[in-house]
Amino acid sequence: MTENQRGLGTVVQIIWILAGLLVIAALSYHFIEHNRESKVAFATPYQAILLANGSVYFGHLQDYGSAHPVLTDVYYIVTQTNPETKQSNNVLVKRGKELHAPDRMYINPSQLIFVEPVGENSKVAELIRQAKQ
């Protein structure tokens, strides 16, 4: 192998190293910018979420758009039927009364079907305010 061939091999290696570093830098920039843009701010204090299993929860949704969204101050609705009158009544229940006393829900984003704001003058918002008193 001649001196020129060895020198050319070194130049090619340096070019490949630089190309690899550029690709890594470009991917890093892309993921950082993508995560920055995916932050969603909600204008209302509470959000309604629908999960793939059909469950609906209400609460403060944080880190929406990330790999680990979290719902805190969680409520859900239970329908109770009076056995005598057969009339149904919807009751808002705060999570945390269960045996394991959860204070938050970590949500698998692939199970999150949609998120909607809970209007500040809605019946759900009114029931949450009443529950806090």
Protein backbone atom coordinates (compact mmCIF):
# COMPACT_ATOMS: atom_id res chain seq x y z
CA MET A 1 0.00 0.00 0.00
CA THR A 2 1.44 3.34 -0.98
CA GLU A 3 1.59 6.47 1.12
CA ASN A 4 -1.14 8.11 -1.05
CA GLN A 5 -3.53 5.18 -0.56
CA ARG A 6 -3.08 5.28 3.24
CA GLY A 7 -3.65 9.03 3.27
CA LEU A 8 -6.78 8.64 1.14
CA GLY A 9 -8.10 5.95 3.53
CA THR A 10 -7.64 8.32 6.48
CA VAL A 11 -9.47 11.12 4.64
CA VAL A 12 -12.39 8.77 3.85
CA GLN A 13 -12.60 7.73 7.51
CA ILE A 14 -12.68 11.36 8.63
CA ILE A 15 -15.41 12.14 6.09
CA TRP A 16 -17.53 9.21 7.37
CA ILE A 17 -17.04 10.31 10.98
CA LEU A 18 -18.05 13.89 10.13
CA ALA A 19 -21.08 12.65 8.15
CA GLY A 20 -22.16 10.50 11.11
CA LEU A 21 -21.81 13.44 13.51
CA LEU A 22 -23.87 15.64 11.19
CA VAL A 23 -26.63 13.01 11.02
CA ILE A 24 -26.66 12.68 14.82
CA ALA A 25 -26.80 16.48 15.22
CA ALA A 26 -29.64 16.79 12.68
CA LEU A 27 -31.68 14.03 14.37
CA SER A 28 -31.12 15.56 17.81
CA TYR A 29 -32.27 18.95 16.57
CA HIS A 30 -35.34 17.39 14.94
CA PHE A 31 -36.42 15.56 18.11
CA ILE A 32 -35.80 18.57 20.36
CA GLU A 33 -37.82 20.86 18.07
CA HIS A 34 -40.57 18.24 17.67
CA ASN A 35 -40.93 17.90 21.47
CA ARG A 36 -40.96 21.66 21.91
CA GLU A 37 -43.72 22.06 19.33
CA SER A 38 -45.85 19.21 20.73
CA LYS A 39 -46.54 20.97 24.03
CA VAL A 40 -50.24 21.73 24.28
CA ALA A 41 -51.64 24.33 26.66
CA PHE A 42 -55.25 24.12 27.72
CA ALA A 43 -57.29 27.25 28.32
CA THR A 44 -59.61 25.62 30.87
CA PRO A 45 -58.69 24.19 34.27
CA TYR A 46 -60.08 20.72 33.53
CA GLN A 47 -59.97 18.44 30.51
CA ALA A 48 -62.12 15.44 29.54
CA ILE A 49 -60.25 12.44 28.18
CA LEU A 50 -61.67 9.41 26.41
CA LEU A 51 -59.65 6.21 26.61
CA ALA A 52 -59.75 3.34 24.12
CA ASN A 53 -61.71 1.19 26.59
CA GLY A 54 -64.55 3.75 26.58
CA SER A 55 -63.74 5.25 29.99
CA VAL A 56 -64.07 9.01 30.38
CA TYR A 57 -62.15 10.91 33.03
CA PHE A 58 -61.98 14.58 33.96
CA GLY A 59 -58.96 16.29 35.48
CA HIS A 60 -55.84 18.40 34.96
CA LEU A 61 -53.98 16.92 31.99
CA GLN A 62 -50.22 17.54 31.97
CA ASP A 63 -47.58 16.62 29.40
CA TYR A 64 -50.12 15.98 26.65
CA GLY A 65 -48.27 15.02 23.49
CA SER A 66 -45.44 13.40 25.44
CA ALA A 67 -44.78 9.72 26.04
CA HIS A 68 -46.15 9.99 29.60
CA PRO A 69 -49.21 12.25 29.97
CA VAL A 70 -50.52 12.55 33.53
CA LEU A 71 -54.05 13.31 34.74
CA THR A 72 -54.34 14.74 38.27
CA ASP A 73 -57.35 15.80 40.37
CA VAL A 74 -59.26 13.03 38.57
CA TYR A 75 -63.03 12.60 38.47
CA TYR A 76 -65.35 10.20 36.66
CA ILE A 77 -69.10 9.75 36.36
CA VAL A 78 -71.00 6.78 37.76
CA THR A 79 -74.60 6.10 36.79
CA GLN A 80 -76.73 4.95 39.71
CA THR A 81 -80.19 3.47 39.22
CA ASN A 82 -82.85 3.67 41.91
CA PRO A 83 -84.23 0.11 42.17
CA GLU A 84 -87.70 1.34 43.18
CA THR A 85 -88.24 4.06 40.59
CA LYS A 86 -85.86 2.68 37.93
CA GLN A 87 -84.61 6.23 37.38
CA SER A 88 -80.94 6.79 36.60
CA ASN A 89 -78.83 9.45 38.21
CA ASN A 90 -75.30 10.45 37.19
CA VAL A 91 -72.92 11.09 40.08
CA LEU A 92 -69.45 12.65 39.83
CA VAL A 93 -66.86 10.64 41.81
CA LYS A 94 -63.36 11.80 42.74
CA ARG A 95 -60.64 9.21 42.24
CA GLY A 96 -58.67 8.43 45.36
CA LYS A 97 -61.44 6.71 47.29
CA GLU A 98 -60.47 3.35 45.76
CA LEU A 99 -58.55 0.80 47.85
CA HIS A 100 -55.20 1.82 46.38
CA ALA A 101 -55.94 5.56 46.85
CA PRO A 102 -54.52 6.87 43.54
CA ASP A 103 -53.67 10.57 43.34
CA ARG A 104 -52.94 10.61 39.58
CA MET A 105 -53.25 8.60 36.40
CA TYR A 106 -50.33 7.98 34.07
CA ILE A 107 -51.87 7.47 30.66
CA ASN A 108 -50.58 5.36 27.80
CA PRO A 109 -50.79 7.84 24.90
CA SER A 110 -51.76 5.07 22.47
CA GLN A 111 -54.92 4.51 24.56
CA LEU A 112 -55.90 8.18 24.52
CA ILE A 113 -58.63 8.67 21.90
CA PHE A 114 -59.31 12.37 22.40
CA VAL A 115 -59.00 15.27 24.82
CA GLU A 116 -61.54 18.07 25.18
CA PRO A 117 -61.65 21.10 27.43
CA VAL A 118 -64.27 21.08 30.17
CA GLY A 119 -66.15 24.35 29.79
CA GLU A 120 -65.98 26.51 32.90
CA ASN A 121 -69.78 26.89 32.89
CA SER A 122 -70.50 23.23 32.11
CA LYS A 123 -72.37 20.85 34.38
CA VAL A 124 -69.16 18.85 34.98
CA ALA A 125 -67.25 21.98 36.04
CA GLU A 126 -70.12 22.91 38.34
CA LEU A 127 -70.13 19.45 39.93
CA ILE A 128 -66.34 19.60 40.44
CA ARG A 129 -66.66 22.98 42.16
CA GLN A 130 -69.38 21.55 44.42
CA ALA A 131 -67.25 18.50 45.24
CA LYS A 132 -64.34 20.74 46.29
CA GLN A 133 -66.47 22.66 48.80
